[in-house]
Amino acid sequence: MTLIIGIVMVFGLVFGGFILSGGKMDIVLHALPFEGMMIGGGALGAFVIANSMTVVKDAAKGIVKTMKGPKWKEQDYTDLLNLLFELARIYKQKGILALDSHIESPKESDIFQRYPKILADHFAIELIIDSFRMLAMQFDDHFQTEDVINKKLRKHHKESAAAAAAIQSMADGLPAIGIVAAVLGVIKTMSSIDQPPEILGTMIGGALVGTFLGVFLAYCLVQPIAGRLKAVDEEDHAFYLIIRDVFVAMVANHPPNICVEIGRGNVPTTKQPDFYAIEASQRELPAA
């Protein structure tokens, strides 16, 4: 929603100010399709050349992500803490073997089925399952466990951040591509130097639209989208950090409620559930 509001503000205030100051839109509108084709085509072509198809597809999905906002809401963090509490409670009371059926077949587990949105997230489930598998293989040093989980988190975050970085690179190149379009417009003007001044003025104005369009797209649209996508990715990544924090606390032999409280304390402030709400939701969970 904020993306749409921002775009309306950018176009309304930039072009509204231009018109109110006496600017004529006819020159801009006449040159816009041709300059836009050169600049947009050059930018998109360079984007495809510089990136794999996976990154290109992720960038397209990223545009939708900037409109939807972060994937994980406050209720999702509550669900995650409850899920980890249930698993930690079983581990504390009955040992790692009691979790075997849940870990090996999460889609058939009554615990995981209570949290369908988390169950549908491949990376979250794999991170939880792999962490408990390490524990089952006697890999129970909490410092080494944290290091292994951090490596997985860094790998995932680097891959998910590739789309935002690619869009940012395109934003960095757009002003230069705008200059290329403007130079082509100047070349076209110089080839018509025998024309009257009013025609030459229109042609030069059209050429300058290329410079304007490159800078405008770079700093008013593409770069803000890249920045917003990066912020959304960072906030979504915080969800997986909670899994790490709770699991490391569990390996350090803290009680399940303490493990969950450590995780709750690291939830982003705007999504952080209340301590008493988490406590109440834990009391409503089925017995281990």
C-alpha atoms as a PDB file:
ATOM      1  CA  MET A   1       0.000   0.000   0.000  1.00  0.00           C
ATOM      2  CA  THR A   2       2.814   2.411   0.879  1.00  0.00           C
ATOM      3  CA  LEU A   3       4.404   1.673  -2.511  1.00  0.00           C
ATOM      4  CA  ILE A   4       1.280   2.831  -4.377  1.00  0.00           C
ATOM      5  CA  ILE A   5       0.913   5.929  -2.184  1.00  0.00           C
ATOM      6  CA  GLY A   6       4.574   6.808  -2.752  1.00  0.00           C
ATOM      7  CA  ILE A   7       4.314   6.414  -6.532  1.00  0.00           C
ATOM      8  CA  VAL A   8       1.221   8.650  -6.649  1.00  0.00           C
ATOM      9  CA  MET A   9       3.054  11.290  -4.578  1.00  0.00           C
ATOM     10  CA  VAL A  10       6.166  11.145  -6.789  1.00  0.00           C
ATOM     11  CA  PHE A  11       4.297  11.545 -10.074  1.00  0.00           C
ATOM     12  CA  GLY A  12       1.801  14.048  -8.701  1.00  0.00           C
ATOM     13  CA  LEU A  13       4.328  16.374  -7.082  1.00  0.00           C
ATOM     14  CA  VAL A  14       7.098  16.143  -9.702  1.00  0.00           C
ATOM     15  CA  PHE A  15       4.930  16.627 -12.779  1.00  0.00           C
ATOM     16  CA  GLY A  16       2.423  18.797 -10.916  1.00  0.00           C
ATOM     17  CA  GLY A  17       5.213  21.183  -9.942  1.00  0.00           C
ATOM     18  CA  PHE A  18       6.501  21.171 -13.530  1.00  0.00           C
ATOM     19  CA  ILE A  19       3.069  22.084 -14.921  1.00  0.00           C
ATOM     20  CA  LEU A  20       2.353  24.711 -12.254  1.00  0.00           C
ATOM     21  CA  SER A  21       5.688  26.379 -12.977  1.00  0.00           C
ATOM     22  CA  GLY A  22       4.686  26.829 -16.615  1.00  0.00           C
ATOM     23  CA  GLY A  23       6.196  23.690 -18.089  1.00  0.00           C
ATOM     24  CA  LYS A  24       4.597  22.168 -21.162  1.00  0.00           C
ATOM     25  CA  MET A  25       3.902  18.455 -21.076  1.00  0.00           C
ATOM     26  CA  ASP A  26       3.493  18.106 -24.851  1.00  0.00           C
ATOM     27  CA  ILE A  27       7.266  17.932 -25.452  1.00  0.00           C
ATOM     28  CA  VAL A  28       7.702  15.410 -22.632  1.00  0.00           C
ATOM     29  CA  LEU A  29       4.791  13.261 -23.792  1.00  0.00           C
ATOM     30  CA  HIS A  30       5.991  13.335 -27.411  1.00  0.00           C
ATOM     31  CA  ALA A  31       9.504  12.161 -26.506  1.00  0.00           C
ATOM     32  CA  LEU A  32       8.495   9.825 -23.666  1.00  0.00           C
ATOM     33  CA  PRO A  33       7.631   6.682 -25.697  1.00  0.00           C
ATOM     34  CA  PHE A  34      10.901   6.735 -27.655  1.00  0.00           C
ATOM     35  CA  GLU A  35      13.140   7.753 -24.751  1.00  0.00           C
ATOM     36  CA  GLY A  36      11.330   5.293 -22.514  1.00  0.00           C
ATOM     37  CA  MET A  37      11.907   2.478 -24.991  1.00  0.00           C
ATOM     38  CA  MET A  38      15.637   3.235 -25.179  1.00  0.00           C
ATOM     39  CA  ILE A  39      16.136   3.687 -21.446  1.00  0.00           C
ATOM     40  CA  GLY A  40      13.766   0.955 -20.290  1.00  0.00           C
ATOM     41  CA  GLY A  41      15.019  -1.474 -22.919  1.00  0.00           C
ATOM     42  CA  GLY A  42      18.651  -0.732 -22.127  1.00  0.00           C
ATOM     43  CA  ALA A  43      18.099  -1.093 -18.373  1.00  0.00           C
ATOM     44  CA  LEU A  44      16.093  -4.316 -18.638  1.00  0.00           C
ATOM     45  CA  GLY A  45      18.500  -5.792 -21.172  1.00  0.00           C
ATOM     46  CA  ALA A  46      21.495  -5.030 -18.958  1.00  0.00           C
ATOM     47  CA  PHE A  47      19.587  -6.467 -15.985  1.00  0.00           C
ATOM     48  CA  VAL A  48      19.021  -9.756 -17.825  1.00  0.00           C
ATOM     49  CA  ILE A  49      22.658  -9.884 -18.951  1.00  0.00           C
ATOM     50  CA  ALA A  50      23.973  -9.301 -15.430  1.00  0.00           C
ATOM     51  CA  ASN A  51      21.769 -11.789 -13.561  1.00  0.00           C
ATOM     52  CA  SER A  52      20.684 -15.405 -13.674  1.00  0.00           C
ATOM     53  CA  MET A  53      17.093 -16.263 -14.513  1.00  0.00           C
ATOM     54  CA  THR A  54      16.541 -17.200 -10.878  1.00  0.00           C
ATOM     55  CA  VAL A  55      17.458 -13.667  -9.777  1.00  0.00           C
ATOM     56  CA  VAL A  56      15.366 -12.141 -12.583  1.00  0.00           C
ATOM     57  CA  LYS A  57      12.324 -14.137 -11.448  1.00  0.00           C
ATOM     58  CA  ASP A  58      12.992 -13.306  -7.784  1.00  0.00           C
ATOM     59  CA  ALA A  59      13.214  -9.613  -8.695  1.00  0.00           C
ATOM     60  CA  ALA A  60       9.804  -9.797 -10.368  1.00  0.00           C
ATOM     61  CA  LYS A  61       8.400 -11.481  -7.259  1.00  0.00           C
ATOM     62  CA  GLY A  62      10.148  -8.837  -5.181  1.00  0.00           C
ATOM     63  CA  ILE A  63       8.018  -6.100  -6.755  1.00  0.00           C
ATOM     64  CA  VAL A  64       4.937  -7.907  -5.463  1.00  0.00           C
ATOM     65  CA  LYS A  65       6.644  -8.377  -2.090  1.00  0.00           C
ATOM     66  CA  THR A  66       7.216  -4.629  -1.730  1.00  0.00           C
ATOM     67  CA  MET A  67       3.463  -4.085  -2.176  1.00  0.00           C
ATOM     68  CA  LYS A  68       2.436  -6.823   0.263  1.00  0.00           C
ATOM     69  CA  GLY A  69       5.037  -6.015   2.916  1.00  0.00           C
ATOM     70  CA  PRO A  70       6.716  -8.513   5.272  1.00  0.00           C
ATOM     71  CA  LYS A  71       5.435 -12.071   5.159  1.00  0.00           C
ATOM     72  CA  TRP A  72       5.429 -12.691   8.910  1.00  0.00           C
ATOM     73  CA  LYS A  73       2.911 -10.928  11.152  1.00  0.00           C
ATOM     74  CA  GLU A  74       2.651 -10.746  14.944  1.00  0.00           C
ATOM     75  CA  GLN A  75       0.451 -13.852  15.096  1.00  0.00           C
ATOM     76  CA  ASP A  76       3.044 -15.788  13.104  1.00  0.00           C
ATOM     77  CA  TYR A  77       5.710 -14.987  15.691  1.00  0.00           C
ATOM     78  CA  THR A  78       3.324 -16.167  18.416  1.00  0.00           C
ATOM     79  CA  ASP A  79       2.727 -19.374  16.468  1.00  0.00           C
ATOM     80  CA  LEU A  80       6.466 -19.900  16.005  1.00  0.00           C
ATOM     81  CA  LEU A  81       7.144 -19.463  19.715  1.00  0.00           C
ATOM     82  CA  ASN A  82       4.336 -21.894  20.550  1.00  0.00           C
ATOM     83  CA  LEU A  83       5.637 -24.449  18.057  1.00  0.00           C
ATOM     84  CA  LEU A  84       9.158 -24.251  19.451  1.00  0.00           C
ATOM     85  CA  PHE A  85       7.790 -24.399  22.996  1.00  0.00           C
ATOM     86  CA  GLU A  86       5.951 -27.642  22.231  1.00  0.00           C
ATOM     87  CA  LEU A  87       9.037 -29.217  20.683  1.00  0.00           C
ATOM     88  CA  ALA A  88      11.325 -28.027  23.474  1.00  0.00           C
ATOM     89  CA  ARG A  89       8.885 -29.308  26.107  1.00  0.00           C
ATOM     90  CA  ILE A  90       8.780 -32.796  24.597  1.00  0.00           C
ATOM     91  CA  TYR A  91      12.573 -32.844  24.320  1.00  0.00           C
ATOM     92  CA  LYS A  92      12.951 -31.768  27.945  1.00  0.00           C
ATOM     93  CA  GLN A  93      10.403 -34.247  29.311  1.00  0.00           C
ATOM     94  CA  LYS A  94      10.846 -37.307  27.077  1.00  0.00           C
ATOM     95  CA  GLY A  95      14.131 -36.901  25.226  1.00  0.00           C
ATOM     96  CA  ILE A  96      15.057 -36.592  21.563  1.00  0.00           C
ATOM     97  CA  LEU A  97      13.603 -39.997  20.569  1.00  0.00           C
ATOM     98  CA  ALA A  98      10.101 -38.780  21.425  1.00  0.00           C
ATOM     99  CA  LEU A  99      10.464 -36.135  18.690  1.00  0.00           C
ATOM    100  CA  ASP A 100      11.508 -38.589  15.987  1.00  0.00           C
ATOM    101  CA  SER A 101       8.065 -38.954  14.365  1.00  0.00           C
ATOM    102  CA  HIS A 102       7.499 -35.176  14.370  1.00  0.00           C
ATOM    103  CA  ILE A 103      10.918 -34.344  12.924  1.00  0.00           C
ATOM    104  CA  GLU A 104      10.992 -37.026  10.231  1.00  0.00           C
ATOM    105  CA  SER A 105       7.402 -36.409   9.064  1.00  0.00           C
ATOM    106  CA  PRO A 106       6.458 -32.815   9.911  1.00  0.00           C
ATOM    107  CA  LYS A 107       3.509 -32.774   7.486  1.00  0.00           C
ATOM    108  CA  GLU A 108       1.965 -35.687   9.382  1.00  0.00           C
ATOM    109  CA  SER A 109       2.800 -34.300  12.834  1.00  0.00           C
ATOM    110  CA  ASP A 110      -0.135 -33.013  14.881  1.00  0.00           C
ATOM    111  CA  ILE A 111       2.199 -30.379  16.363  1.00  0.00           C
ATOM    112  CA  PHE A 112       3.337 -28.926  13.038  1.00  0.00           C
ATOM    113  CA  GLN A 113      -0.166 -29.154  11.585  1.00  0.00           C
ATOM    114  CA  ARG A 114      -1.368 -26.653  14.177  1.00  0.00           C
ATOM    115  CA  TYR A 115       0.788 -24.032  12.454  1.00  0.00           C
ATOM    116  CA  PRO A 116       0.026 -24.339   8.698  1.00  0.00           C
ATOM    117  CA  LYS A 117       1.686 -21.091   7.606  1.00  0.00           C
ATOM    118  CA  ILE A 118       4.984 -22.108   9.204  1.00  0.00           C
ATOM    119  CA  LEU A 119       4.613 -25.640   7.845  1.00  0.00           C
ATOM    120  CA  ALA A 120       4.267 -24.175   4.343  1.00  0.00           C
ATOM    121  CA  ASP A 121       7.583 -22.314   4.656  1.00  0.00           C
ATOM    122  CA  HIS A 122      10.237 -24.701   3.383  1.00  0.00           C
ATOM    123  CA  PHE A 123      13.256 -22.986   4.917  1.00  0.00           C
ATOM    124  CA  ALA A 124      11.708 -22.567   8.388  1.00  0.00           C
ATOM    125  CA  ILE A 125      10.753 -26.242   8.558  1.00  0.00           C
ATOM    126  CA  GLU A 126      14.117 -27.416   7.228  1.00  0.00           C
ATOM    127  CA  LEU A 127      15.934 -25.226   9.744  1.00  0.00           C
ATOM    128  CA  ILE A 128      13.928 -26.679  12.643  1.00  0.00           C
ATOM    129  CA  ILE A 129      14.250 -30.267  11.414  1.00  0.00           C
ATOM    130  CA  ASP A 130      17.987 -30.052  10.675  1.00  0.00           C
ATOM    131  CA  SER A 131      18.640 -28.499  14.075  1.00  0.00           C
ATOM    132  CA  PHE A 132      16.916 -31.346  15.894  1.00  0.00           C
ATOM    133  CA  ARG A 133      18.685 -33.887  13.688  1.00  0.00           C
ATOM    134  CA  MET A 134      22.011 -32.440  14.817  1.00  0.00           C
ATOM    135  CA  LEU A 135      20.855 -32.898  18.391  1.00  0.00           C
ATOM    136  CA  ALA A 136      19.885 -36.500  17.668  1.00  0.00           C
ATOM    137  CA  MET A 137      23.422 -37.109  16.376  1.00  0.00           C
ATOM    138  CA  GLN A 138      24.856 -35.883  19.692  1.00  0.00           C
ATOM    139  CA  PHE A 139      25.903 -32.525  18.242  1.00  0.00           C
ATOM    140  CA  ASP A 140      24.978 -30.726  21.425  1.00  0.00           C
ATOM    141  CA  ASP A 141      27.626 -28.043  21.977  1.00  0.00           C
ATOM    142  CA  HIS A 142      25.598 -24.826  21.905  1.00  0.00           C
ATOM    143  CA  PHE A 143      28.475 -22.710  20.583  1.00  0.00           C
ATOM    144  CA  GLN A 144      29.098 -25.023  17.623  1.00  0.00           C
ATOM    145  CA  THR A 145      25.364 -25.439  17.102  1.00  0.00           C
ATOM    146  CA  GLU A 146      24.903 -21.675  16.856  1.00  0.00           C
ATOM    147  CA  ASP A 147      27.798 -21.442  14.399  1.00  0.00           C
ATOM    148  CA  VAL A 148      26.310 -24.126  12.125  1.00  0.00           C
ATOM    149  CA  ILE A 149      22.857 -22.521  12.172  1.00  0.00           C
ATOM    150  CA  ASN A 150      24.368 -19.080  11.495  1.00  0.00           C
ATOM    151  CA  LYS A 151      26.074 -20.428   8.367  1.00  0.00           C
ATOM    152  CA  LYS A 152      22.733 -21.715   7.073  1.00  0.00           C
ATOM    153  CA  LEU A 153      21.079 -18.391   7.882  1.00  0.00           C
ATOM    154  CA  ARG A 154      23.798 -16.400   6.107  1.00  0.00           C
ATOM    155  CA  LYS A 155      23.503 -18.587   3.015  1.00  0.00           C
ATOM    156  CA  HIS A 156      19.717 -18.206   2.895  1.00  0.00           C
ATOM    157  CA  HIS A 157      19.863 -14.454   3.524  1.00  0.00           C
ATOM    158  CA  LYS A 158      22.489 -13.927   0.821  1.00  0.00           C
ATOM    159  CA  GLU A 159      20.344 -15.782  -1.704  1.00  0.00           C
ATOM    160  CA  SER A 160      17.150 -13.937  -0.743  1.00  0.00           C
ATOM    161  CA  ALA A 161      18.943 -10.553  -0.845  1.00  0.00           C
ATOM    162  CA  ALA A 162      20.257 -11.106  -4.392  1.00  0.00           C
ATOM    163  CA  ALA A 163      17.097  -9.677  -6.005  1.00  0.00           C
ATOM    164  CA  ALA A 164      17.261  -6.406  -4.041  1.00  0.00           C
ATOM    165  CA  ALA A 165      20.968  -6.040  -4.868  1.00  0.00           C
ATOM    166  CA  ALA A 166      20.259  -6.615  -8.565  1.00  0.00           C
ATOM    167  CA  ILE A 167      17.502  -3.981  -8.598  1.00  0.00           C
ATOM    168  CA  GLN A 168      19.820  -1.552  -6.812  1.00  0.00           C
ATOM    169  CA  SER A 169      22.484  -2.147  -9.481  1.00  0.00           C
ATOM    170  CA  MET A 170      19.922  -1.328 -12.167  1.00  0.00           C
ATOM    171  CA  ALA A 171      19.055   1.899 -10.325  1.00  0.00           C
ATOM    172  CA  ASP A 172      22.756   2.825 -10.236  1.00  0.00           C
ATOM    173  CA  GLY A 173      23.009   2.407 -13.999  1.00  0.00           C
ATOM    174  CA  LEU A 174      19.822   4.203 -15.040  1.00  0.00           C
ATOM    175  CA  PRO A 175      21.226   7.793 -14.967  1.00  0.00           C
ATOM    176  CA  ALA A 176      24.042   6.747 -17.324  1.00  0.00           C
ATOM    177  CA  ILE A 177      21.575   4.986 -19.644  1.00  0.00           C
ATOM    178  CA  GLY A 178      19.527   8.203 -19.621  1.00  0.00           C
ATOM    179  CA  ILE A 179      22.615  10.086 -20.806  1.00  0.00           C
ATOM    180  CA  VAL A 180      23.039   7.570 -23.628  1.00  0.00           C
ATOM    181  CA  ALA A 181      19.467   8.261 -24.756  1.00  0.00           C
ATOM    182  CA  ALA A 182      20.070  12.020 -24.467  1.00  0.00           C
ATOM    183  CA  VAL A 183      23.244  11.814 -26.569  1.00  0.00           C
ATOM    184  CA  LEU A 184      21.339   9.931 -29.253  1.00  0.00           C
ATOM    185  CA  GLY A 185      18.769  12.743 -29.170  1.00  0.00           C
ATOM    186  CA  VAL A 186      21.521  15.334 -29.593  1.00  0.00           C
ATOM    187  CA  ILE A 187      22.941  13.381 -32.538  1.00  0.00           C
ATOM    188  CA  LYS A 188      19.487  13.388 -34.099  1.00  0.00           C
ATOM    189  CA  THR A 189      19.216  17.170 -33.485  1.00  0.00           C
ATOM    190  CA  MET A 190      22.632  17.894 -35.020  1.00  0.00           C
ATOM    191  CA  SER A 191      21.622  16.020 -38.154  1.00  0.00           C
ATOM    192  CA  SER A 192      18.753  18.517 -38.497  1.00  0.00           C
ATOM    193  CA  ILE A 193      20.743  21.666 -37.805  1.00  0.00           C
ATOM    194  CA  ASP A 194      19.248  23.373 -40.865  1.00  0.00           C
ATOM    195  CA  GLN A 195      15.779  23.358 -39.300  1.00  0.00           C
ATOM    196  CA  PRO A 196      14.132  26.477 -37.759  1.00  0.00           C
ATOM    197  CA  PRO A 197      14.888  27.270 -34.067  1.00  0.00           C
ATOM    198  CA  GLU A 198      11.423  26.226 -32.866  1.00  0.00           C
ATOM    199  CA  ILE A 199      11.914  22.730 -34.314  1.00  0.00           C
ATOM    200  CA  LEU A 200      15.466  22.463 -32.958  1.00  0.00           C
ATOM    201  CA  GLY A 201      14.213  23.562 -29.544  1.00  0.00           C
ATOM    202  CA  THR A 202      11.618  20.798 -29.540  1.00  0.00           C
ATOM    203  CA  MET A 203      14.241  18.232 -30.563  1.00  0.00           C
ATOM    204  CA  ILE A 204      16.710  19.353 -27.881  1.00  0.00           C
ATOM    205  CA  GLY A 205      13.917  19.308 -25.292  1.00  0.00           C
ATOM    206  CA  GLY A 206      13.069  15.750 -26.351  1.00  0.00           C
ATOM    207  CA  ALA A 207      16.722  14.743 -25.997  1.00  0.00           C
ATOM    208  CA  LEU A 208      16.857  16.158 -22.474  1.00  0.00           C
ATOM    209  CA  VAL A 209      13.830  14.055 -21.576  1.00  0.00           C
ATOM    210  CA  GLY A 210      16.221  11.076 -21.767  1.00  0.00           C
ATOM    211  CA  THR A 211      18.488  12.524 -19.061  1.00  0.00           C
ATOM    212  CA  PHE A 212      15.490  13.436 -16.934  1.00  0.00           C
ATOM    213  CA  LEU A 213      13.879  10.027 -17.331  1.00  0.00           C
ATOM    214  CA  GLY A 214      17.038   8.129 -16.391  1.00  0.00           C
ATOM    215  CA  VAL A 215      17.573  10.139 -13.204  1.00  0.00           C
ATOM    216  CA  PHE A 216      13.863  10.185 -12.349  1.00  0.00           C
ATOM    217  CA  LEU A 217      13.453   6.423 -12.687  1.00  0.00           C
ATOM    218  CA  ALA A 218      16.669   5.732 -10.784  1.00  0.00           C
ATOM    219  CA  TYR A 219      16.120   7.880  -7.714  1.00  0.00           C
ATOM    220  CA  CYS A 220      12.344   8.202  -7.525  1.00  0.00           C
ATOM    221  CA  LEU A 221      11.241   4.655  -8.397  1.00  0.00           C
ATOM    222  CA  VAL A 222      13.813   1.883  -8.837  1.00  0.00           C
ATOM    223  CA  GLN A 223      16.144   2.730  -5.949  1.00  0.00           C
ATOM    224  CA  PRO A 224      13.274   3.174  -3.438  1.00  0.00           C
ATOM    225  CA  ILE A 225      11.836  -0.176  -4.562  1.00  0.00           C
ATOM    226  CA  ALA A 226      15.226  -1.822  -4.025  1.00  0.00           C
ATOM    227  CA  GLY A 227      15.492  -0.236  -0.574  1.00  0.00           C
ATOM    228  CA  ARG A 228      11.981  -1.334   0.385  1.00  0.00           C
ATOM    229  CA  LEU A 229      12.613  -4.887  -0.837  1.00  0.00           C
ATOM    230  CA  LYS A 230      15.811  -5.036   1.201  1.00  0.00           C
ATOM    231  CA  ALA A 231      13.930  -3.850   4.317  1.00  0.00           C
ATOM    232  CA  VAL A 232      11.201  -6.470   3.792  1.00  0.00           C
ATOM    233  CA  ASP A 233      13.817  -9.204   3.347  1.00  0.00           C
ATOM    234  CA  GLU A 234      15.563  -8.115   6.548  1.00  0.00           C
ATOM    235  CA  GLU A 235      12.321  -8.208   8.526  1.00  0.00           C
ATOM    236  CA  ASP A 236      11.351 -11.608   7.131  1.00  0.00           C
ATOM    237  CA  HIS A 237      14.834 -12.913   7.938  1.00  0.00           C
ATOM    238  CA  ALA A 238      14.315 -11.993  11.608  1.00  0.00           C
ATOM    239  CA  PHE A 239      11.722 -14.791  11.785  1.00  0.00           C
ATOM    240  CA  TYR A 240      14.405 -17.417  11.210  1.00  0.00           C
ATOM    241  CA  LEU A 241      16.728 -15.846  13.769  1.00  0.00           C
ATOM    242  CA  ILE A 242      14.133 -16.634  16.444  1.00  0.00           C
ATOM    243  CA  ILE A 243      14.416 -20.332  15.576  1.00  0.00           C
ATOM    244  CA  ARG A 244      18.169 -20.134  16.100  1.00  0.00           C
ATOM    245  CA  ASP A 245      17.897 -18.280  19.400  1.00  0.00           C
ATOM    246  CA  VAL A 246      15.320 -20.649  20.883  1.00  0.00           C
ATOM    247  CA  PHE A 247      17.145 -23.763  19.720  1.00  0.00           C
ATOM    248  CA  VAL A 248      20.537 -22.624  21.031  1.00  0.00           C
ATOM    249  CA  ALA A 249      18.927 -21.822  24.395  1.00  0.00           C
ATOM    250  CA  MET A 250      17.377 -25.294  24.403  1.00  0.00           C
ATOM    251  CA  VAL A 251      20.734 -26.958  23.677  1.00  0.00           C
ATOM    252  CA  ALA A 252      22.183 -24.920  26.554  1.00  0.00           C
ATOM    253  CA  ASN A 253      19.673 -26.833  28.747  1.00  0.00           C
ATOM    254  CA  HIS A 254      17.385 -23.942  29.643  1.00  0.00           C
ATOM    255  CA  PRO A 255      13.737 -24.738  30.496  1.00  0.00           C
ATOM    256  CA  PRO A 256      11.293 -24.467  27.561  1.00  0.00           C
ATOM    257  CA  ASN A 257       9.619 -21.301  28.855  1.00  0.00           C
ATOM    258  CA  ILE A 258      13.015 -19.589  29.229  1.00  0.00           C
ATOM    259  CA  CYS A 259      14.003 -20.655  25.713  1.00  0.00           C
ATOM    260  CA  VAL A 260      10.813 -19.134  24.334  1.00  0.00           C
ATOM    261  CA  GLU A 261      11.292 -15.940  26.320  1.00  0.00           C
ATOM    262  CA  ILE A 262      14.806 -15.568  24.883  1.00  0.00           C
ATOM    263  CA  GLY A 263      13.310 -15.903  21.410  1.00  0.00           C
ATOM    264  CA  ARG A 264      10.444 -13.514  22.183  1.00  0.00           C
ATOM    265  CA  GLY A 265      12.908 -10.870  23.335  1.00  0.00           C
ATOM    266  CA  ASN A 266      14.545 -10.858  19.894  1.00  0.00           C
ATOM    267  CA  VAL A 267      11.327 -10.515  17.878  1.00  0.00           C
ATOM    268  CA  PRO A 268      11.206  -7.171  15.985  1.00  0.00           C
ATOM    269  CA  THR A 269       9.550  -4.570  18.224  1.00  0.00           C
ATOM    270  CA  THR A 270       6.611  -3.897  15.897  1.00  0.00           C
ATOM    271  CA  LYS A 271       5.770  -7.631  15.785  1.00  0.00           C
ATOM    272  CA  GLN A 272       6.761  -8.616  19.316  1.00  0.00           C
ATOM    273  CA  PRO A 273       3.973 -10.443  21.183  1.00  0.00           C
ATOM    274  CA  ASP A 274       3.297  -9.552  24.805  1.00  0.00           C
ATOM    275  CA  PHE A 275       4.894 -11.720  27.522  1.00  0.00           C
ATOM    276  CA  TYR A 276       1.560 -12.465  29.161  1.00  0.00           C
ATOM    277  CA  ALA A 277      -0.069 -13.265  25.816  1.00  0.00           C
ATOM    278  CA  ILE A 278       2.610 -15.870  25.110  1.00  0.00           C
ATOM    279  CA  GLU A 279       2.234 -17.285  28.595  1.00  0.00           C
ATOM    280  CA  ALA A 280      -1.537 -17.558  28.155  1.00  0.00           C
ATOM    281  CA  SER A 281      -1.212 -19.195  24.725  1.00  0.00           C
ATOM    282  CA  GLN A 282       1.203 -21.770  26.167  1.00  0.00           C
ATOM    283  CA  ARG A 283      -1.336 -22.753  28.806  1.00  0.00           C
ATOM    284  CA  GLU A 284      -3.879 -23.439  26.057  1.00  0.00           C
ATOM    285  CA  LEU A 285      -1.581 -25.873  24.236  1.00  0.00           C
ATOM    286  CA  PRO A 286      -2.320 -29.613  24.467  1.00  0.00           C
ATOM    287  CA  ALA A 287      -0.323 -31.587  27.026  1.00  0.00           C
ATOM    288  CA  ALA A 288       2.960 -33.069  25.841  1.00  0.00           C
END
